[in-house]
Amino acid sequence: MKSVSIEDAKGNPFLEVIDVITPEPLKPSKVIEATRLPNYQKVGNIISIQLAWRGRNYMVQMFFPQVKKPSRKEVQDQVRKVYPDAKLWGYQVSDYDPGEPLLQIGGQR
C-alpha cells in the first residue's frame, strides 16, 4: 500500500492518505496439464497414489484417460479393483517417469 502525508503551511503533518485500491500483485498458480504417454494415443493424467493394503503401505502410479483430475471416489474405485478393501491415503498428479511401473485405467468406450 502507498501512503501520502499532507502537511500544513507550517510543515506539520495535517493528513495522511492511504491508497487502499492498489491491488496485491498476482501470484502464479500451478496449472495442471494432461500428459500424453509415448507409444500410446491416449491423453490423460498420471496419478501417484499412496495406499494401505493388508497392513502394508504402497505407492503406485495409475494413468487415468481424462483431462481433468479424478475425484477421490474415482481413484478409490480404481484402486479397489487392484487392491480390494485398500485404504487410500492420498493421491496427486505426477509426471511420467519411464522407469516406474504404471497401471492404465480403462476409459469410456
PDB file of N, CA and C in Angstrom:
ATOM      1  N   MET A   1       0.835  -1.176   0.000  1.00  0.00           N
ATOM      2  CA  MET A   1       0.000   0.000   0.000  1.00  0.00           C
ATOM      3  C   MET A   1       0.881   1.241   0.000  1.00  0.00           C
ATOM      4  N   LYS A   2       0.380   2.251  -0.647  1.00  0.00           N
ATOM      5  CA  LYS A   2       1.074   3.524  -0.706  1.00  0.00           C
ATOM      6  C   LYS A   2       0.356   4.500   0.209  1.00  0.00           C
ATOM      7  N   SER A   3       1.144   5.276   0.946  1.00  0.00           N
ATOM      8  CA  SER A   3       0.523   6.324   1.758  1.00  0.00           C
ATOM      9  C   SER A   3       1.234   7.648   1.473  1.00  0.00           C
ATOM     10  N   VAL A   4       0.464   8.727   1.539  1.00  0.00           N
ATOM     11  CA  VAL A   4       0.981  10.064   1.269  1.00  0.00           C
ATOM     12  C   VAL A   4       0.611  10.932   2.467  1.00  0.00           C
ATOM     13  N   SER A   5       1.571  11.671   2.959  1.00  0.00           N
ATOM     14  CA  SER A   5       1.322  12.561   4.080  1.00  0.00           C
ATOM     15  C   SER A   5       1.214  13.997   3.561  1.00  0.00           C
ATOM     16  N   ILE A   6       0.188  14.706   4.002  1.00  0.00           N
ATOM     17  CA  ILE A   6      -0.030  16.100   3.609  1.00  0.00           C
ATOM     18  C   ILE A   6       0.263  16.977   4.820  1.00  0.00           C
ATOM     19  N   GLU A   7       1.036  18.032   4.577  1.00  0.00           N
ATOM     20  CA  GLU A   7       1.437  18.921   5.667  1.00  0.00           C
ATOM     21  C   GLU A   7       0.719  20.272   5.542  1.00  0.00           C
ATOM     22  N   ASP A   8       0.600  20.929   6.670  1.00  0.00           N
ATOM     23  CA  ASP A   8       0.003  22.271   6.635  1.00  0.00           C
ATOM     24  C   ASP A   8       1.078  23.284   6.253  1.00  0.00           C
ATOM     25  N   ALA A   9       0.753  24.577   6.320  1.00  0.00           N
ATOM     26  CA  ALA A   9       1.674  25.636   5.895  1.00  0.00           C
ATOM     27  C   ALA A   9       2.911  25.720   6.779  1.00  0.00           C
ATOM     28  N   LYS A  10       2.814  25.268   8.019  1.00  0.00           N
ATOM     29  CA  LYS A  10       3.943  25.333   8.943  1.00  0.00           C
ATOM     30  C   LYS A  10       4.818  24.066   8.857  1.00  0.00           C
ATOM     31  N   GLY A  11       4.432  23.087   8.043  1.00  0.00           N
ATOM     32  CA  GLY A  11       5.220  21.862   7.881  1.00  0.00           C
ATOM     33  C   GLY A  11       4.848  20.750   8.839  1.00  0.00           C
ATOM     34  N   ASN A  12       3.762  20.959   9.578  1.00  0.00           N
ATOM     35  CA  ASN A  12       3.307  19.911  10.498  1.00  0.00           C
ATOM     36  C   ASN A  12       2.410  18.926   9.748  1.00  0.00           C
ATOM     37  N   PRO A  13       2.463  17.639  10.136  1.00  0.00           N
ATOM     38  CA  PRO A  13       1.581  16.666   9.468  1.00  0.00           C
ATOM     39  C   PRO A  13       0.115  17.040   9.683  1.00  0.00           C
ATOM     40  N   PHE A  14      -0.623  17.098   8.591  1.00  0.00           N
ATOM     41  CA  PHE A  14      -2.023  17.500   8.648  1.00  0.00           C
ATOM     42  C   PHE A  14      -2.950  16.326   8.341  1.00  0.00           C
ATOM     43  N   LEU A  15      -2.578  15.540   7.329  1.00  0.00           N
ATOM     44  CA  LEU A  15      -3.459  14.480   6.868  1.00  0.00           C
ATOM     45  C   LEU A  15      -2.608  13.375   6.237  1.00  0.00           C
ATOM     46  N   GLU A  16      -3.017  12.142   6.401  1.00  0.00           N
ATOM     47  CA  GLU A  16      -2.337  11.022   5.755  1.00  0.00           C
ATOM     48  C   GLU A  16      -3.353  10.286   4.890  1.00  0.00           C
ATOM     49  N   VAL A  17      -2.999  10.119   3.621  1.00  0.00           N
ATOM     50  CA  VAL A  17      -3.874   9.441   2.664  1.00  0.00           C
ATOM     51  C   VAL A  17      -3.268   8.071   2.363  1.00  0.00           C
ATOM     52  N   ILE A  18      -4.082   7.030   2.531  1.00  0.00           N
ATOM     53  CA  ILE A  18      -3.634   5.661   2.263  1.00  0.00           C
ATOM     54  C   ILE A  18      -4.398   5.141   1.055  1.00  0.00           C
ATOM     55  N   ASP A  19      -3.657   4.629   0.069  1.00  0.00           N
ATOM     56  CA  ASP A  19      -4.260   4.077  -1.149  1.00  0.00           C
ATOM     57  C   ASP A  19      -4.687   2.640  -0.871  1.00  0.00           C
ATOM     58  N   VAL A  20      -5.987   2.409  -0.762  1.00  0.00           N
ATOM     59  CA  VAL A  20      -6.496   1.055  -0.492  1.00  0.00           C
ATOM     60  C   VAL A  20      -6.985   0.370  -1.765  1.00  0.00           C
ATOM     61  N   ILE A  21      -6.930   1.050  -2.895  1.00  0.00           N
ATOM     62  CA  ILE A  21      -7.421   0.487  -4.145  1.00  0.00           C
ATOM     63  C   ILE A  21      -6.339  -0.294  -4.887  1.00  0.00           C
ATOM     64  N   THR A  22      -5.069  -0.027  -4.624  1.00  0.00           N
ATOM     65  CA  THR A  22      -3.987  -0.704  -5.321  1.00  0.00           C
ATOM     66  C   THR A  22      -4.088  -2.213  -5.054  1.00  0.00           C
ATOM     67  N   PRO A  23      -4.211  -3.010  -6.091  1.00  0.00           N
ATOM     68  CA  PRO A  23      -4.365  -4.446  -5.875  1.00  0.00           C
ATOM     69  C   PRO A  23      -3.042  -5.101  -5.484  1.00  0.00           C
ATOM     70  N   GLU A  24      -3.160  -6.237  -4.806  1.00  0.00           N
ATOM     71  CA  GLU A  24      -1.986  -7.028  -4.459  1.00  0.00           C
ATOM     72  C   GLU A  24      -1.406  -7.606  -5.745  1.00  0.00           C
ATOM     73  N   PRO A  25      -0.095  -7.805  -5.817  1.00  0.00           N
ATOM     74  CA  PRO A  25       0.483  -8.397  -7.023  1.00  0.00           C
ATOM     75  C   PRO A  25      -0.028  -9.827  -7.223  1.00  0.00           C
ATOM     76  N   LEU A  26      -0.189 -10.185  -8.484  1.00  0.00           N
ATOM     77  CA  LEU A  26      -0.686 -11.518  -8.797  1.00  0.00           C
ATOM     78  C   LEU A  26       0.379 -12.556  -8.501  1.00  0.00           C
ATOM     79  N   LYS A  27      -0.069 -13.696  -7.980  1.00  0.00           N
ATOM     80  CA  LYS A  27       0.832 -14.799  -7.685  1.00  0.00           C
ATOM     81  C   LYS A  27       0.577 -15.892  -8.710  1.00  0.00           C
ATOM     82  N   PRO A  28       1.635 -16.497  -9.255  1.00  0.00           N
ATOM     83  CA  PRO A  28       1.425 -17.557 -10.248  1.00  0.00           C
ATOM     84  C   PRO A  28       0.770 -18.767  -9.606  1.00  0.00           C
ATOM     85  N   SER A  29      -0.140 -19.373 -10.332  1.00  0.00           N
ATOM     86  CA  SER A  29      -0.802 -20.579  -9.845  1.00  0.00           C
ATOM     87  C   SER A  29      -0.311 -21.768 -10.656  1.00  0.00           C
ATOM     88  N   LYS A  30      -0.406 -22.936 -10.040  1.00  0.00           N
ATOM     89  CA  LYS A  30       0.052 -24.144 -10.713  1.00  0.00           C
ATOM     90  C   LYS A  30      -1.048 -24.606 -11.660  1.00  0.00           C
ATOM     91  N   VAL A  31      -0.672 -24.798 -12.919  1.00  0.00           N
ATOM     92  CA  VAL A  31      -1.616 -25.245 -13.931  1.00  0.00           C
ATOM     93  C   VAL A  31      -1.412 -26.735 -14.139  1.00  0.00           C
ATOM     94  N   ILE A  32      -2.507 -27.475 -14.038  1.00  0.00           N
ATOM     95  CA  ILE A  32      -2.436 -28.919 -14.242  1.00  0.00           C
ATOM     96  C   ILE A  32      -2.730 -29.196 -15.709  1.00  0.00           C
ATOM     97  N   GLU A  33      -1.803 -29.872 -16.349  1.00  0.00           N
ATOM     98  CA  GLU A  33      -1.971 -30.199 -17.754  1.00  0.00           C
ATOM     99  C   GLU A  33      -2.036 -31.700 -17.919  1.00  0.00           C
ATOM    100  N   ALA A  34      -2.724 -32.127 -18.936  1.00  0.00           N
ATOM    101  CA  ALA A  34      -2.796 -33.545 -19.236  1.00  0.00           C
ATOM    102  C   ALA A  34      -1.474 -34.007 -19.845  1.00  0.00           C
ATOM    103  N   THR A  35      -1.222 -35.296 -19.752  1.00  0.00           N
ATOM    104  CA  THR A  35       0.014 -35.883 -20.256  1.00  0.00           C
ATOM    105  C   THR A  35      -0.303 -36.832 -21.394  1.00  0.00           C
ATOM    106  N   ARG A  36       0.572 -36.887 -22.373  1.00  0.00           N
ATOM    107  CA  ARG A  36       0.441 -37.874 -23.440  1.00  0.00           C
ATOM    108  C   ARG A  36       1.541 -38.902 -23.234  1.00  0.00           C
ATOM    109  N   LEU A  37       1.144 -40.154 -23.070  1.00  0.00           N
ATOM    110  CA  LEU A  37       2.122 -41.213 -22.894  1.00  0.00           C
ATOM    111  C   LEU A  37       2.765 -41.557 -24.230  1.00  0.00           C
ATOM    112  N   PRO A  38       4.078 -41.761 -24.248  1.00  0.00           N
ATOM    113  CA  PRO A  38       4.710 -42.165 -25.502  1.00  0.00           C
ATOM    114  C   PRO A  38       4.246 -43.563 -25.906  1.00  0.00           C
ATOM    115  N   ASN A  39       4.177 -43.797 -27.196  1.00  0.00           N
ATOM    116  CA  ASN A  39       3.743 -45.074 -27.774  1.00  0.00           C
ATOM    117  C   ASN A  39       2.258 -45.370 -27.551  1.00  0.00           C
ATOM    118  N   TYR A  40       1.504 -44.428 -27.044  1.00  0.00           N
ATOM    119  CA  TYR A  40       0.060 -44.589 -26.858  1.00  0.00           C
ATOM    120  C   TYR A  40      -0.621 -43.360 -27.444  1.00  0.00           C
ATOM    121  N   GLN A  41      -1.814 -43.521 -27.885  1.00  0.00           N
ATOM    122  CA  GLN A  41      -2.561 -42.399 -28.443  1.00  0.00           C
ATOM    123  C   GLN A  41      -3.610 -41.917 -27.451  1.00  0.00           C
ATOM    124  N   LYS A  42      -3.281 -41.952 -26.161  1.00  0.00           N
ATOM    125  CA  LYS A  42      -4.220 -41.532 -25.127  1.00  0.00           C
ATOM    126  C   LYS A  42      -3.670 -40.312 -24.402  1.00  0.00           C
ATOM    127  N   VAL A  43      -4.573 -39.416 -24.040  1.00  0.00           N
ATOM    128  CA  VAL A  43      -4.228 -38.227 -23.271  1.00  0.00           C
ATOM    129  C   VAL A  43      -4.924 -38.344 -21.928  1.00  0.00           C
ATOM    130  N   GLY A  44      -4.227 -38.025 -20.861  1.00  0.00           N
ATOM    131  CA  GLY A  44      -4.823 -38.113 -19.535  1.00  0.00           C
ATOM    132  C   GLY A  44      -3.847 -37.664 -18.471  1.00  0.00           C
ATOM    133  N   ASN A  45      -4.077 -38.122 -17.253  1.00  0.00           N
ATOM    134  CA  ASN A  45      -3.234 -37.752 -16.115  1.00  0.00           C
ATOM    135  C   ASN A  45      -2.625 -38.981 -15.480  1.00  0.00           C
ATOM    136  N   ILE A  46      -1.371 -38.855 -15.082  1.00  0.00           N
ATOM    137  CA  ILE A  46      -0.715 -39.889 -14.295  1.00  0.00           C
ATOM    138  C   ILE A  46      -0.902 -39.490 -12.839  1.00  0.00           C
ATOM    139  N   ILE A  47      -1.494 -40.390 -12.071  1.00  0.00           N
ATOM    140  CA  ILE A  47      -1.792 -40.117 -10.677  1.00  0.00           C
ATOM    141  C   ILE A  47      -0.900 -40.986  -9.798  1.00  0.00           C
ATOM    142  N   SER A  48      -0.170 -40.355  -8.898  1.00  0.00           N
ATOM    143  CA  SER A  48       0.645 -41.059  -7.922  1.00  0.00           C
ATOM    144  C   SER A  48      -0.231 -41.281  -6.689  1.00  0.00           C
ATOM    145  N   ILE A  49      -0.355 -42.543  -6.261  1.00  0.00           N
ATOM    146  CA  ILE A  49      -1.316 -42.912  -5.223  1.00  0.00           C
ATOM    147  C   ILE A  49      -0.593 -43.555  -4.049  1.00  0.00           C
ATOM    148  N   GLN A  50      -0.937 -43.128  -2.835  1.00  0.00           N
ATOM    149  CA  GLN A  50      -0.437 -43.750  -1.620  1.00  0.00           C
ATOM    150  C   GLN A  50      -1.603 -44.492  -0.977  1.00  0.00           C
ATOM    151  N   LEU A  51      -1.391 -45.771  -0.649  1.00  0.00           N
ATOM    152  CA  LEU A  51      -2.476 -46.570  -0.095  1.00  0.00           C
ATOM    153  C   LEU A  51      -1.945 -47.567   0.921  1.00  0.00           C
ATOM    154  N   ALA A  52      -2.845 -48.102   1.724  1.00  0.00           N
ATOM    155  CA  ALA A  52      -2.536 -49.167   2.671  1.00  0.00           C
ATOM    156  C   ALA A  52      -3.387 -50.370   2.292  1.00  0.00           C
ATOM    157  N   TRP A  53      -2.749 -51.546   2.253  1.00  0.00           N
ATOM    158  CA  TRP A  53      -3.458 -52.771   1.888  1.00  0.00           C
ATOM    159  C   TRP A  53      -2.849 -53.928   2.661  1.00  0.00           C
ATOM    160  N   ARG A  54      -3.664 -54.647   3.382  1.00  0.00           N
ATOM    161  CA  ARG A  54      -3.244 -55.801   4.180  1.00  0.00           C
ATOM    162  C   ARG A  54      -2.070 -55.468   5.103  1.00  0.00           C
ATOM    163  N   GLY A  55      -2.157 -54.347   5.776  1.00  0.00           N
ATOM    164  CA  GLY A  55      -1.161 -53.972   6.764  1.00  0.00           C
ATOM    165  C   GLY A  55       0.132 -53.392   6.223  1.00  0.00           C
ATOM    166  N   ARG A  56       0.215 -53.140   4.936  1.00  0.00           N
ATOM    167  CA  ARG A  56       1.421 -52.567   4.339  1.00  0.00           C
ATOM    168  C   ARG A  56       1.063 -51.310   3.557  1.00  0.00           C
ATOM    169  N   ASN A  57       2.034 -50.399   3.452  1.00  0.00           N
ATOM    170  CA  ASN A  57       1.848 -49.175   2.680  1.00  0.00           C
ATOM    171  C   ASN A  57       2.444 -49.352   1.294  1.00  0.00           C
ATOM    172  N   TYR A  58       1.747 -48.863   0.285  1.00  0.00           N
ATOM    173  CA  TYR A  58       2.183 -48.957  -1.102  1.00  0.00           C
ATOM    174  C   TYR A  58       2.074 -47.599  -1.764  1.00  0.00           C
ATOM    175  N   MET A  59       2.904 -47.406  -2.789  1.00  0.00           N
ATOM    176  CA  MET A  59       2.799 -46.222  -3.641  1.00  0.00           C
ATOM    177  C   MET A  59       2.792 -46.714  -5.076  1.00  0.00           C
ATOM    178  N   VAL A  60       1.726 -46.420  -5.796  1.00  0.00           N
ATOM    179  CA  VAL A  60       1.580 -46.864  -7.182  1.00  0.00           C
ATOM    180  C   VAL A  60       1.242 -45.673  -8.063  1.00  0.00           C
ATOM    181  N   GLN A  61       1.447 -45.847  -9.369  1.00  0.00           N
ATOM    182  CA  GLN A  61       1.054 -44.831 -10.333  1.00  0.00           C
ATOM    183  C   GLN A  61       0.008 -45.434 -11.253  1.00  0.00           C
ATOM    184  N   MET A  62      -1.028 -44.655 -11.519  1.00  0.00           N
ATOM    185  CA  MET A  62      -2.084 -45.082 -12.432  1.00  0.00           C
ATOM    186  C   MET A  62      -2.303 -43.984 -13.465  1.00  0.00           C
ATOM    187  N   PHE A  63      -2.580 -44.397 -14.692  1.00  0.00           N
ATOM    188  CA  PHE A  63      -2.892 -43.460 -15.772  1.00  0.00           C
ATOM    189  C   PHE A  63      -4.403 -43.410 -15.930  1.00  0.00           C
ATOM    190  N   PHE A  64      -4.977 -42.234 -15.766  1.00  0.00           N
ATOM    191  CA  PHE A  64      -6.413 -42.027 -15.951  1.00  0.00           C
ATOM    192  C   PHE A  64      -6.611 -41.300 -17.281  1.00  0.00           C
ATOM    193  N   PRO A  65      -7.342 -41.892 -18.230  1.00  0.00           N
ATOM    194  CA  PRO A  65      -7.508 -41.276 -19.560  1.00  0.00           C
ATOM    195  C   PRO A  65      -8.552 -40.170 -19.577  1.00  0.00           C
ATOM    196  N   GLN A  66      -8.346 -39.156 -18.781  1.00  0.00           N
ATOM    197  CA  GLN A  66      -9.239 -37.997 -18.763  1.00  0.00           C
ATOM    198  C   GLN A  66      -8.387 -36.768 -18.491  1.00  0.00           C
ATOM    199  N   VAL A  67      -8.825 -35.635 -18.992  1.00  0.00           N
ATOM    200  CA  VAL A  67      -8.038 -34.413 -18.875  1.00  0.00           C
ATOM    201  C   VAL A  67      -8.142 -33.826 -17.470  1.00  0.00           C
ATOM    202  N   LYS A  68      -9.294 -33.910 -16.860  1.00  0.00           N
ATOM    203  CA  LYS A  68      -9.454 -33.336 -15.518  1.00  0.00           C
ATOM    204  C   LYS A  68      -8.879 -34.278 -14.468  1.00  0.00           C
ATOM    205  N   LYS A  69      -8.539 -33.716 -13.316  1.00  0.00           N
ATOM    206  CA  LYS A  69      -8.027 -34.524 -12.207  1.00  0.00           C
ATOM    207  C   LYS A  69      -9.175 -35.371 -11.665  1.00  0.00           C
ATOM    208  N   PRO A  70      -8.968 -36.684 -11.491  1.00  0.00           N
ATOM    209  CA  PRO A  70     -10.048 -37.532 -10.998  1.00  0.00           C
ATOM    210  C   PRO A  70     -10.383 -37.214  -9.546  1.00  0.00           C
ATOM    211  N   SER A  71     -11.632 -37.483  -9.183  1.00  0.00           N
ATOM    212  CA  SER A  71     -12.057 -37.251  -7.805  1.00  0.00           C
ATOM    213  C   SER A  71     -11.520 -38.365  -6.912  1.00  0.00           C
ATOM    214  N   ARG A  72     -11.587 -38.142  -5.620  1.00  0.00           N
ATOM    215  CA  ARG A  72     -11.125 -39.150  -4.662  1.00  0.00           C
ATOM    216  C   ARG A  72     -11.899 -40.449  -4.820  1.00  0.00           C
ATOM    217  N   LYS A  73     -13.200 -40.350  -5.051  1.00  0.00           N
ATOM    218  CA  LYS A  73     -14.025 -41.549  -5.220  1.00  0.00           C
ATOM    219  C   LYS A  73     -13.621 -42.324  -6.469  1.00  0.00           C
ATOM    220  N   GLU A  74     -13.331 -41.627  -7.575  1.00  0.00           N
ATOM    221  CA  GLU A  74     -12.900 -42.295  -8.802  1.00  0.00           C
ATOM    222  C   GLU A  74     -11.576 -43.040  -8.582  1.00  0.00           C
ATOM    223  N   VAL A  75     -10.650 -42.399  -7.872  1.00  0.00           N
ATOM    224  CA  VAL A  75      -9.368 -43.044  -7.600  1.00  0.00           C
ATOM    225  C   VAL A  75      -9.579 -44.246  -6.685  1.00  0.00           C
ATOM    226  N   GLN A  76     -10.388 -44.073  -5.646  1.00  0.00           N
ATOM    227  CA  GLN A  76     -10.667 -45.168  -4.705  1.00  0.00           C
ATOM    228  C   GLN A  76     -11.298 -46.352  -5.421  1.00  0.00           C
ATOM    229  N   ASP A  77     -12.237 -46.110  -6.332  1.00  0.00           N
ATOM    230  CA  ASP A  77     -12.887 -47.200  -7.069  1.00  0.00           C
ATOM    231  C   ASP A  77     -11.881 -47.976  -7.912  1.00  0.00           C
ATOM    232  N   GLN A  78     -10.959 -47.270  -8.572  1.00  0.00           N
ATOM    233  CA  GLN A  78      -9.970 -47.942  -9.412  1.00  0.00           C
ATOM    234  C   GLN A  78      -8.928 -48.691  -8.573  1.00  0.00           C
ATOM    235  N   VAL A  79      -8.540 -48.106  -7.450  1.00  0.00           N
ATOM    236  CA  VAL A  79      -7.570 -48.764  -6.569  1.00  0.00           C
ATOM    237  C   VAL A  79      -8.150 -50.064  -6.030  1.00  0.00           C
ATOM    238  N   ARG A  80      -9.412 -50.047  -5.659  1.00  0.00           N
ATOM    239  CA  ARG A  80     -10.040 -51.246  -5.087  1.00  0.00           C
ATOM    240  C   ARG A  80     -10.236 -52.359  -6.098  1.00  0.00           C
ATOM    241  N   LYS A  81     -10.134 -52.049  -7.383  1.00  0.00           N
ATOM    242  CA  LYS A  81     -10.171 -53.105  -8.394  1.00  0.00           C
ATOM    243  C   LYS A  81      -8.882 -53.914  -8.378  1.00  0.00           C
ATOM    244  N   VAL A  82      -7.773 -53.268  -7.989  1.00  0.00           N
ATOM    245  CA  VAL A  82      -6.478 -53.939  -7.927  1.00  0.00           C
ATOM    246  C   VAL A  82      -6.183 -54.422  -6.508  1.00  0.00           C
ATOM    247  N   TYR A  83      -6.481 -53.580  -5.527  1.00  0.00           N
ATOM    248  CA  TYR A  83      -6.236 -53.895  -4.120  1.00  0.00           C
ATOM    249  C   TYR A  83      -7.575 -53.848  -3.377  1.00  0.00           C
ATOM    250  N   PRO A  84      -8.294 -54.970  -3.268  1.00  0.00           N
ATOM    251  CA  PRO A  84      -9.604 -54.967  -2.605  1.00  0.00           C
ATOM    252  C   PRO A  84      -9.498 -54.484  -1.151  1.00  0.00           C
ATOM    253  N   ASP A  85     -10.437 -53.675  -0.738  1.00  0.00           N
ATOM    254  CA  ASP A  85     -10.525 -53.118   0.622  1.00  0.00           C
ATOM    255  C   ASP A  85      -9.315 -52.278   1.018  1.00  0.00           C
ATOM    256  N   ALA A  86      -8.613 -51.690   0.052  1.00  0.00           N
ATOM    257  CA  ALA A  86      -7.455 -50.840   0.350  1.00  0.00           C
ATOM    258  C   ALA A  86      -7.923 -49.502   0.918  1.00  0.00           C
ATOM    259  N   LYS A  87      -7.085 -48.906   1.755  1.00  0.00           N
ATOM    260  CA  LYS A  87      -7.336 -47.585   2.319  1.00  0.00           C
ATOM    261  C   LYS A  87      -6.506 -46.569   1.533  1.00  0.00           C
ATOM    262  N   LEU A  88      -7.170 -45.618   0.902  1.00  0.00           N
ATOM    263  CA  LEU A  88      -6.496 -44.590   0.106  1.00  0.00           C
ATOM    264  C   LEU A  88      -6.011 -43.488   1.041  1.00  0.00           C
ATOM    265  N   TRP A  89      -4.701 -43.301   1.131  1.00  0.00           N
ATOM    266  CA  TRP A  89      -4.132 -42.256   1.975  1.00  0.00           C
ATOM    267  C   TRP A  89      -4.108 -40.923   1.251  1.00  0.00           C
ATOM    268  N   GLY A  90      -3.714 -40.933  -0.010  1.00  0.00           N
ATOM    269  CA  GLY A  90      -3.639 -39.681  -0.752  1.00  0.00           C
ATOM    270  C   GLY A  90      -3.286 -39.934  -2.200  1.00  0.00           C
ATOM    271  N   TYR A  91      -3.469 -38.906  -3.032  1.00  0.00           N
ATOM    272  CA  TYR A  91      -3.138 -39.005  -4.449  1.00  0.00           C
ATOM    273  C   TYR A  91      -2.853 -37.615  -4.993  1.00  0.00           C
ATOM    274  N   GLN A  92      -2.036 -37.572  -6.053  1.00  0.00           N
ATOM    275  CA  GLN A  92      -1.717 -36.307  -6.699  1.00  0.00           C
ATOM    276  C   GLN A  92      -1.285 -36.564  -8.131  1.00  0.00           C
ATOM    277  N   VAL A  93      -1.417 -35.547  -8.958  1.00  0.00           N
ATOM    278  CA  VAL A  93      -0.984 -35.634 -10.352  1.00  0.00           C
ATOM    279  C   VAL A  93       0.541 -35.608 -10.360  1.00  0.00           C
ATOM    280  N   SER A  94       1.155 -36.515 -11.123  1.00  0.00           N
ATOM    281  CA  SER A  94       2.620 -36.560 -11.179  1.00  0.00           C
ATOM    282  C   SER A  94       3.089 -36.618 -12.629  1.00  0.00           C
ATOM    283  N   ASP A  95       4.376 -36.505 -12.821  1.00  0.00           N
ATOM    284  CA  ASP A  95       4.976 -36.539 -14.150  1.00  0.00           C
ATOM    285  C   ASP A  95       5.268 -37.977 -14.565  1.00  0.00           C
ATOM    286  N   TYR A  96       5.419 -38.176 -15.863  1.00  0.00           N
ATOM    287  CA  TYR A  96       5.725 -39.501 -16.404  1.00  0.00           C
ATOM    288  C   TYR A  96       7.185 -39.835 -16.128  1.00  0.00           C
ATOM    289  N   ASP A  97       7.424 -40.996 -15.530  1.00  0.00           N
ATOM    290  CA  ASP A  97       8.772 -41.489 -15.279  1.00  0.00           C
ATOM    291  C   ASP A  97       8.876 -42.845 -15.964  1.00  0.00           C
ATOM    292  N   PRO A  98       9.614 -42.938 -17.063  1.00  0.00           N
ATOM    293  CA  PRO A  98       9.645 -44.182 -17.832  1.00  0.00           C
ATOM    294  C   PRO A  98      10.208 -45.371 -17.056  1.00  0.00           C
ATOM    295  N   GLY A  99      10.934 -45.145 -15.964  1.00  0.00           N
ATOM    296  CA  GLY A  99      11.497 -46.240 -15.194  1.00  0.00           C
ATOM    297  C   GLY A  99      10.539 -46.824 -14.173  1.00  0.00           C
ATOM    298  N   GLU A 100       9.421 -46.176 -13.937  1.00  0.00           N
ATOM    299  CA  GLU A 100       8.461 -46.630 -12.936  1.00  0.00           C
ATOM    300  C   GLU A 100       7.310 -47.391 -13.584  1.00  0.00           C
ATOM    301  N   PRO A 101       6.807 -48.447 -12.915  1.00  0.00           N
ATOM    302  CA  PRO A 101       5.635 -49.154 -13.449  1.00  0.00           C
ATOM    303  C   PRO A 101       4.397 -48.257 -13.416  1.00  0.00           C
ATOM    304  N   LEU A 102       3.501 -48.489 -14.348  1.00  0.00           N
ATOM    305  CA  LEU A 102       2.320 -47.642 -14.497  1.00  0.00           C
ATOM    306  C   LEU A 102       1.117 -48.501 -14.853  1.00  0.00           C
ATOM    307  N   LEU A 103       0.031 -48.403 -14.054  1.00  0.00           N
ATOM    308  CA  LEU A 103      -1.214 -49.100 -14.357  1.00  0.00           C
ATOM    309  C   LEU A 103      -2.093 -48.180 -15.179  1.00  0.00           C
ATOM    310  N   GLN A 104      -2.676 -48.720 -16.258  1.00  0.00           N
ATOM    311  CA  GLN A 104      -3.577 -47.916 -17.081  1.00  0.00           C
ATOM    312  C   GLN A 104      -5.009 -48.254 -16.734  1.00  0.00           C
ATOM    313  N   ILE A 105      -5.796 -47.225 -16.516  1.00  0.00           N
ATOM    314  CA  ILE A 105      -7.199 -47.375 -16.189  1.00  0.00           C
ATOM    315  C   ILE A 105      -7.989 -47.237 -17.479  1.00  0.00           C
ATOM    316  N   GLY A 106      -8.927 -48.147 -17.731  1.00  0.00           N
ATOM    317  CA  GLY A 106      -9.729 -48.091 -18.954  1.00  0.00           C
ATOM    318  C   GLY A 106     -10.647 -46.900 -18.979  1.00  0.00           C
ATOM    319  N   GLY A 107     -10.801 -46.315 -20.132  1.00  0.00           N
ATOM    320  CA  GLY A 107     -11.689 -45.176 -20.308  1.00  0.00           C
ATOM    321  C   GLY A 107     -13.037 -45.626 -20.819  1.00  0.00           C
ATOM    322  N   GLN A 108     -13.880 -44.669 -21.182  1.00  0.00           N
ATOM    323  CA  GLN A 108     -15.189 -44.987 -21.722  1.00  0.00           C
ATOM    324  C   GLN A 108     -15.043 -45.453 -23.160  1.00  0.00           C
ATOM    325  N   ARG A 109     -15.857 -46.389 -23.539  1.00  0.00           N
ATOM    326  CA  ARG A 109     -15.787 -46.937 -24.890  1.00  0.00           C
ATOM    327  C   ARG A 109     -16.912 -46.447 -25.748  1.00  0.00           C
TER     328      ARG A 109
END
